[in-house]
Protein backbone atom coordinates (compact mmCIF):
# COMPACT_ATOMS: atom_id res chain seq x y z
CA MET A 1 -12.20 -26.46 19.71
CA ASN A 2 -10.95 -25.11 16.45
CA PRO A 3 -6.74 -25.40 16.02
CA GLU A 4 -5.76 -22.18 16.37
CA LEU A 5 -7.81 -21.95 19.73
CA GLN A 6 -5.90 -24.49 20.85
CA ARG A 7 -2.71 -23.28 19.94
CA ILE A 8 -2.78 -19.75 21.34
CA ARG A 9 -4.04 -22.12 24.67
CA LYS A 10 -0.82 -23.96 24.89
CA GLN A 11 1.52 -20.97 24.44
CA PRO A 12 0.57 -17.84 26.64
CA THR A 13 2.91 -16.01 24.86
CA HIS A 14 1.21 -15.56 21.78
CA ALA A 15 -2.09 -15.04 23.63
CA THR A 16 -0.67 -11.78 25.42
CA LEU A 17 0.55 -10.93 22.40
CA LEU A 18 -3.10 -11.43 20.81
CA ALA A 19 -4.72 -9.37 23.14
CA LEU A 20 -1.37 -6.38 22.66
CA ALA A 21 -2.52 -6.41 19.15
CA LEU A 22 -6.19 -5.79 19.81
CA VAL A 23 -5.98 -3.85 22.89
CA GLY A 24 -3.36 -1.55 19.55
CA LEU A 25 -6.33 -1.87 17.15
CA ALA A 26 -8.77 -0.96 19.53
CA ALA A 27 -6.61 2.56 20.72
CA VAL A 28 -6.04 3.62 17.39
CA TYR A 29 -10.16 3.38 17.36
CA LEU A 30 -10.47 5.25 20.19
CA PHE A 31 -7.38 8.19 19.32
CA GLN A 32 -8.54 8.25 15.10
CA GLN A 33 -9.21 12.32 15.62
CA LYS A 34 -6.14 12.95 17.46
CA ASP A 35 -3.75 15.26 15.63
CA ILE A 36 -0.86 13.05 15.23
CA TRP A 37 1.59 15.58 13.65
CA SER A 38 0.49 18.53 15.82
CA GLU A 39 1.54 16.06 19.08
CA ILE A 40 4.77 14.45 16.86
CA CYS A 41 6.12 17.82 15.12
CA PHE A 42 5.65 21.52 16.17
CA CYS A 43 6.42 22.13 12.43
CA ILE A 44 4.13 24.18 10.17
CA ALA A 45 2.37 22.22 8.28
CA SER A 46 -0.63 23.21 6.05
CA ASP A 47 -4.51 20.82 6.43
CA HIS A 48 -3.84 18.84 3.71
CA GLN A 49 -0.72 17.70 4.78
CA LYS A 50 -1.98 16.61 8.60
CA PHE A 51 -4.86 14.87 6.83
CA VAL A 52 -2.22 12.49 4.76
CA PHE A 53 0.50 12.16 7.70
CA ASN A 54 -2.50 11.07 9.88
CA LYS A 55 -4.30 9.25 7.66
CA SER A 56 -1.36 7.43 6.79
CA VAL A 57 -0.30 7.39 10.23
CA ARG A 58 -3.80 4.68 11.08
CA LEU A 59 -3.71 2.70 8.05
CA LEU A 60 -0.04 1.92 8.62
CA LEU A 61 -0.57 0.94 12.86
CA ASN A 62 -4.74 -0.81 11.92
CA ASP A 63 -2.31 -3.45 8.77
CA LEU A 64 0.44 -4.13 11.74
CA LEU A 65 -1.59 -4.75 14.22
CA MET A 66 -3.49 -6.56 12.14
CA LEU A 67 -0.65 -8.12 9.84
CA ALA A 68 -0.24 -9.39 13.32
CA ILE A 69 -3.14 -10.58 14.81
CA ILE A 70 -2.61 -12.78 11.91
CA HIS A 71 0.15 -13.95 12.09
CA LEU A 72 -0.05 -14.99 15.41
CA TRP A 73 -3.92 -16.41 14.96
CA PHE A 74 -2.25 -18.70 12.15
CA TYR A 75 0.92 -18.59 12.54
CA ASN A 76 0.96 -19.76 8.83
CA SER A 77 3.85 -18.43 6.74
CA LYS A 78 1.58 -18.57 3.28
CA ILE A 79 -1.30 -16.74 4.99
CA THR A 80 0.90 -13.78 6.17
CA ARG A 81 2.81 -13.02 3.21
CA LEU A 82 -0.29 -13.32 1.57
CA ALA A 83 -1.46 -10.47 4.09
CA PHE A 84 1.43 -8.75 3.98
CA TRP A 85 1.34 -8.58 0.32
CA ILE A 86 -1.92 -7.48 1.08
CA GLN A 87 -1.14 -4.56 2.68
CA LEU A 88 1.51 -3.61 0.98
CA ILE A 89 -1.22 -2.91 -2.30
CA ASP A 90 -3.44 -1.19 0.27
CA THR A 91 -0.42 1.35 0.90
CA LEU A 92 1.11 2.11 -2.06
CA ILE A 93 -1.93 2.06 -4.51
CA LEU A 94 -5.72 1.94 -2.48
CA LEU A 95 -4.17 5.24 -0.38
CA PRO A 96 -2.28 7.41 -2.51
CA ALA A 97 -6.06 6.81 -4.40
CA TYR A 98 -8.17 7.61 -1.37
CA LEU A 99 -5.67 10.68 -0.32
CA ILE A 100 -6.31 11.98 -4.27
CA LEU A 101 -10.13 11.64 -4.19
CA LYS A 102 -10.59 12.94 -1.22
CA LEU A 103 -7.98 16.12 -0.75
CA THR A 104 -9.35 16.69 -4.60
CA TRP A 105 -13.12 16.48 -3.87
CA GLU A 106 -13.47 17.08 -0.37
CA GLY A 107 -11.07 18.64 1.08
CA ASP A 108 -9.22 17.36 4.43
CA SER A 109 -12.99 17.54 6.23
CA GLU A 110 -13.92 14.36 7.96
CA ILE A 111 -16.89 14.45 6.44
CA SER A 112 -16.75 12.31 2.83
CA SER A 113 -19.55 11.64 0.20
CA PRO A 114 -21.07 7.94 0.61
CA LEU A 115 -18.55 6.64 -2.22
CA LEU A 116 -15.48 8.15 -0.59
CA SER A 117 -16.34 7.06 2.88
CA GLN A 118 -17.11 3.73 2.09
CA PHE A 119 -13.47 3.28 0.24
CA HIS A 120 -12.56 5.46 3.30
CA ARG A 121 -13.78 2.13 5.54
CA LEU A 122 -12.39 0.24 3.66
CA ILE A 123 -8.83 1.33 3.38
CA ILE A 124 -8.33 3.93 6.31
CA ASN A 125 -9.66 1.35 8.93
CA PRO A 126 -8.91 -2.13 9.08
CA THR A 127 -11.61 -4.38 7.17
CA LEU A 128 -9.62 -5.63 4.60
CA MET A 129 -8.04 -7.98 6.83
CA ILE A 130 -10.44 -8.65 7.97
CA LEU A 131 -12.55 -9.64 5.50
CA TYR A 132 -8.74 -11.47 4.57
CA PHE A 133 -9.29 -13.24 7.94
CA LEU A 134 -12.70 -15.00 7.77
CA SER A 135 -12.70 -15.73 4.31
CA ILE A 136 -9.25 -17.80 5.78
CA TYR A 137 -12.00 -19.29 7.66
CA PHE A 138 -14.80 -19.79 5.36
CA GLN A 139 -11.72 -21.99 3.22
CA ARG A 140 -10.71 -23.87 5.88
CA TYR A 141 -14.64 -24.49 6.44
CA ARG A 142 -15.57 -25.45 3.83
CA LYS A 143 -12.81 -28.32 3.23
CA VAL A 144 -13.76 -30.16 6.16
């Protein structure tokens, strides 16, 4: 059994938090079509503003939950710190670039062109962090 699973088995609190983070990711996925803006704010906003707000909230939730999963799984400050920096770049550089391209080329519709669809999957979905997670495993077990 790998060392991460052994450590998690010995610490039930970490296992519970890890399970909650995974349930949180599933909830974000299941409620991705929910208009969060309309639920929390009764303000008048354009469709573009709602789109930006909803995608930003989804990105932040996905990133925070994946950060929790990475921290709880590996329990290594260097790995968690690098994940944080990747997510910061994702939030501050890639998300605005995606939103500008999406709203300029296609508007606020949920359907995207093939290029933007892949960009969306990489940024808004937790794909970037899943790739990071897998790369850590690849690096660790390649050394063995």
